[in-house]
């Protein structure tokens, strides 16, 4: 179900608050769990608003840990794990959602929603599990 949903997102135009990486992670997890699971994330509809929301939450890792998410080793990653990729784009963390054992759904303003191979992730990528 998650992989089919992710495939339908690929190629959609990028839009803050709709198809950015954080929103896709949130929407994908809602699909899997049948309810909102990432509470407290302020709504945003622009890059500036997204940066302010992320600033309010702190680092992605600290936010996920505050929710009690488990940090798991990348080789143990499974579908619906949240991936925090190394680096930041304009003060916004780079997130993804593991949608199959080998594919991560992510998004950025240049490519929009797209999949990357689990193997393409840098070793510093962190995986969080609900």
C-alpha atoms as a PDB file:
ATOM      1  CA  UNK A   1       0.000   0.000   0.000  1.00  0.00           C
ATOM      2  CA  UNK A   2       2.751   2.468   0.972  1.00  0.00           C
ATOM      3  CA  UNK A   3       4.853   1.634  -2.094  1.00  0.00           C
ATOM      4  CA  UNK A   4       1.852   2.159  -4.402  1.00  0.00           C
ATOM      5  CA  UNK A   5       1.069   5.510  -2.748  1.00  0.00           C
ATOM      6  CA  UNK A   6       4.727   6.559  -3.038  1.00  0.00           C
ATOM      7  CA  UNK A   7       4.799   5.643  -6.720  1.00  0.00           C
ATOM      8  CA  UNK A   8       1.788   7.898  -7.304  1.00  0.00           C
ATOM      9  CA  UNK A   9       3.665  10.818  -5.685  1.00  0.00           C
ATOM     10  CA  UNK A  10       6.715  10.498  -7.930  1.00  0.00           C
ATOM     11  CA  UNK A  11       6.683  13.066 -10.688  1.00  0.00           C
ATOM     12  CA  UNK A  12       4.157  15.352  -8.998  1.00  0.00           C
ATOM     13  CA  UNK A  13       5.163  19.012  -8.950  1.00  0.00           C
ATOM     14  CA  UNK A  14       6.975  20.206  -5.839  1.00  0.00           C
ATOM     15  CA  UNK A  15       4.883  22.365  -3.488  1.00  0.00           C
ATOM     16  CA  UNK A  16       5.693  23.417   0.063  1.00  0.00           C
ATOM     17  CA  UNK A  17       3.179  21.904   2.461  1.00  0.00           C
ATOM     18  CA  UNK A  18       1.952  19.457  -0.193  1.00  0.00           C
ATOM     19  CA  UNK A  19       4.784  17.471  -1.778  1.00  0.00           C
ATOM     20  CA  UNK A  20       7.901  18.595   0.105  1.00  0.00           C
ATOM     21  CA  UNK A  21       9.884  15.848   1.869  1.00  0.00           C
ATOM     22  CA  UNK A  22       8.473  16.531   5.349  1.00  0.00           C
ATOM     23  CA  UNK A  23       4.876  16.582   4.189  1.00  0.00           C
ATOM     24  CA  UNK A  24       5.347  13.360   2.216  1.00  0.00           C
ATOM     25  CA  UNK A  25       6.787  11.661   5.296  1.00  0.00           C
ATOM     26  CA  UNK A  26       3.836  12.840   7.393  1.00  0.00           C
ATOM     27  CA  UNK A  27       1.240  11.806   4.768  1.00  0.00           C
ATOM     28  CA  UNK A  28       2.877   8.410   4.214  1.00  0.00           C
ATOM     29  CA  UNK A  29       2.887   7.647   7.932  1.00  0.00           C
ATOM     30  CA  UNK A  30      -0.768   8.700   8.217  1.00  0.00           C
ATOM     31  CA  UNK A  31      -1.574   6.230   5.449  1.00  0.00           C
ATOM     32  CA  UNK A  32       0.268   3.411   7.233  1.00  0.00           C
ATOM     33  CA  UNK A  33      -1.073   4.084  10.735  1.00  0.00           C
ATOM     34  CA  UNK A  34      -4.523   5.415   9.797  1.00  0.00           C
ATOM     35  CA  UNK A  35      -4.118   8.602  11.839  1.00  0.00           C
ATOM     36  CA  UNK A  36      -1.778  11.580  12.207  1.00  0.00           C
ATOM     37  CA  UNK A  37       1.403  10.495  13.983  1.00  0.00           C
ATOM     38  CA  UNK A  38       3.747  13.484  13.742  1.00  0.00           C
ATOM     39  CA  UNK A  39       1.902  15.936  15.952  1.00  0.00           C
ATOM     40  CA  UNK A  40       3.095  19.444  16.624  1.00  0.00           C
ATOM     41  CA  UNK A  41       4.498  20.228  13.183  1.00  0.00           C
ATOM     42  CA  UNK A  42       3.263  23.705  12.255  1.00  0.00           C
ATOM     43  CA  UNK A  43       1.551  24.023   8.866  1.00  0.00           C
ATOM     44  CA  UNK A  44       3.523  25.790   6.168  1.00  0.00           C
ATOM     45  CA  UNK A  45       3.060  26.734   2.531  1.00  0.00           C
ATOM     46  CA  UNK A  46       6.389  28.330   1.613  1.00  0.00           C
ATOM     47  CA  UNK A  47      10.090  27.718   2.063  1.00  0.00           C
ATOM     48  CA  UNK A  48      10.291  30.555   4.598  1.00  0.00           C
ATOM     49  CA  UNK A  49       7.418  29.125   6.642  1.00  0.00           C
ATOM     50  CA  UNK A  50       8.952  25.624   6.451  1.00  0.00           C
ATOM     51  CA  UNK A  51      12.297  26.956   7.720  1.00  0.00           C
ATOM     52  CA  UNK A  52      10.539  28.725  10.608  1.00  0.00           C
ATOM     53  CA  UNK A  53       8.600  25.557  11.462  1.00  0.00           C
ATOM     54  CA  UNK A  54      11.805  23.520  11.500  1.00  0.00           C
ATOM     55  CA  UNK A  55      13.534  26.157  13.595  1.00  0.00           C
ATOM     56  CA  UNK A  56      10.675  25.933  16.091  1.00  0.00           C
ATOM     57  CA  UNK A  57      10.954  22.127  16.294  1.00  0.00           C
ATOM     58  CA  UNK A  58      14.759  22.006  16.528  1.00  0.00           C
ATOM     59  CA  UNK A  59      16.773  19.309  14.792  1.00  0.00           C
ATOM     60  CA  UNK A  60      14.885  16.526  13.053  1.00  0.00           C
ATOM     61  CA  UNK A  61      16.607  13.890  15.167  1.00  0.00           C
ATOM     62  CA  UNK A  62      15.799  15.672  18.437  1.00  0.00           C
ATOM     63  CA  UNK A  63      12.162  16.077  17.363  1.00  0.00           C
ATOM     64  CA  UNK A  64      11.773  12.389  16.447  1.00  0.00           C
ATOM     65  CA  UNK A  65      13.485  11.321  19.670  1.00  0.00           C
ATOM     66  CA  UNK A  66      11.162  13.589  21.686  1.00  0.00           C
ATOM     67  CA  UNK A  67       8.245  11.632  20.201  1.00  0.00           C
ATOM     68  CA  UNK A  68       9.835   8.387  21.389  1.00  0.00           C
ATOM     69  CA  UNK A  69      10.808   7.110  17.961  1.00  0.00           C
ATOM     70  CA  UNK A  70      13.460   4.418  17.970  1.00  0.00           C
ATOM     71  CA  UNK A  71      16.758   5.043  16.180  1.00  0.00           C
ATOM     72  CA  UNK A  72      17.580   1.898  14.172  1.00  0.00           C
ATOM     73  CA  UNK A  73      20.582   0.798  12.141  1.00  0.00           C
ATOM     74  CA  UNK A  74      20.194   1.393   8.412  1.00  0.00           C
ATOM     75  CA  UNK A  75      20.589  -2.310   7.528  1.00  0.00           C
ATOM     76  CA  UNK A  76      17.589  -3.016   9.792  1.00  0.00           C
ATOM     77  CA  UNK A  77      15.472  -0.387   8.024  1.00  0.00           C
ATOM     78  CA  UNK A  78      11.951  -1.399   7.081  1.00  0.00           C
ATOM     79  CA  UNK A  79       9.029   0.138   5.285  1.00  0.00           C
ATOM     80  CA  UNK A  80       7.652   3.259   7.022  1.00  0.00           C
ATOM     81  CA  UNK A  81      10.936   4.146   8.731  1.00  0.00           C
ATOM     82  CA  UNK A  82      11.740   7.859   8.587  1.00  0.00           C
ATOM     83  CA  UNK A  83      15.111   8.644   7.038  1.00  0.00           C
ATOM     84  CA  UNK A  84      17.033  11.749   8.073  1.00  0.00           C
ATOM     85  CA  UNK A  85      19.614  12.303   5.366  1.00  0.00           C
ATOM     86  CA  UNK A  86      22.886  14.108   6.108  1.00  0.00           C
ATOM     87  CA  UNK A  87      22.987  17.840   5.527  1.00  0.00           C
ATOM     88  CA  UNK A  88      20.378  20.524   5.310  1.00  0.00           C
ATOM     89  CA  UNK A  89      18.980  22.455   2.400  1.00  0.00           C
ATOM     90  CA  UNK A  90      18.563  26.118   3.351  1.00  0.00           C
ATOM     91  CA  UNK A  91      18.173  25.268   7.058  1.00  0.00           C
ATOM     92  CA  UNK A  92      15.605  22.551   6.358  1.00  0.00           C
ATOM     93  CA  UNK A  93      16.439  18.904   7.132  1.00  0.00           C
ATOM     94  CA  UNK A  94      16.506  16.394   4.320  1.00  0.00           C
ATOM     95  CA  UNK A  95      13.903  13.728   5.081  1.00  0.00           C
ATOM     96  CA  UNK A  96      12.685  10.594   3.379  1.00  0.00           C
ATOM     97  CA  UNK A  97      10.388   7.661   4.025  1.00  0.00           C
ATOM     98  CA  UNK A  98      11.516   4.102   3.457  1.00  0.00           C
ATOM     99  CA  UNK A  99       8.701   2.735   1.291  1.00  0.00           C
ATOM    100  CA  UNK A 100      10.231  -0.641   0.463  1.00  0.00           C
ATOM    101  CA  UNK A 101      13.365  -2.498   1.522  1.00  0.00           C
ATOM    102  CA  UNK A 102      15.311  -0.723  -1.220  1.00  0.00           C
ATOM    103  CA  UNK A 103      13.569   2.608  -1.931  1.00  0.00           C
ATOM    104  CA  UNK A 104      13.277   5.910  -0.091  1.00  0.00           C
ATOM    105  CA  UNK A 105      10.660   8.507  -1.091  1.00  0.00           C
ATOM    106  CA  UNK A 106      11.972  12.044  -0.758  1.00  0.00           C
ATOM    107  CA  UNK A 107      11.406  15.412  -2.424  1.00  0.00           C
ATOM    108  CA  UNK A 108      13.180  18.653  -3.203  1.00  0.00           C
ATOM    109  CA  UNK A 109      12.426  21.833  -5.152  1.00  0.00           C
ATOM    110  CA  UNK A 110      14.557  20.731  -8.118  1.00  0.00           C
ATOM    111  CA  UNK A 111      13.336  17.165  -8.669  1.00  0.00           C
ATOM    112  CA  UNK A 112      10.037  17.150  -6.767  1.00  0.00           C
ATOM    113  CA  UNK A 113       8.955  13.852  -5.229  1.00  0.00           C
ATOM    114  CA  UNK A 114      11.321  11.080  -6.280  1.00  0.00           C
ATOM    115  CA  UNK A 115      12.746   7.798  -5.063  1.00  0.00           C
ATOM    116  CA  UNK A 116      16.340   7.116  -4.214  1.00  0.00           C
ATOM    117  CA  UNK A 117      17.936   3.757  -3.602  1.00  0.00           C
ATOM    118  CA  UNK A 118      18.510   2.751  -0.010  1.00  0.00           C
ATOM    119  CA  UNK A 119      22.103   2.026  -1.110  1.00  0.00           C
ATOM    120  CA  UNK A 120      22.590   5.606  -2.323  1.00  0.00           C
ATOM    121  CA  UNK A 121      22.173   6.985   1.191  1.00  0.00           C
ATOM    122  CA  UNK A 122      25.312   8.128   2.917  1.00  0.00           C
ATOM    123  CA  UNK A 123      26.431   6.145   5.918  1.00  0.00           C
ATOM    124  CA  UNK A 124      25.444   9.042   8.170  1.00  0.00           C
ATOM    125  CA  UNK A 125      21.731   8.699   7.314  1.00  0.00           C
ATOM    126  CA  UNK A 126      19.643   7.938  10.404  1.00  0.00           C
ATOM    127  CA  UNK A 127      16.540   5.775  10.471  1.00  0.00           C
ATOM    128  CA  UNK A 128      13.723   6.372  12.967  1.00  0.00           C
ATOM    129  CA  UNK A 129      10.903   3.921  13.624  1.00  0.00           C
ATOM    130  CA  UNK A 130       7.493   4.447  15.218  1.00  0.00           C
END
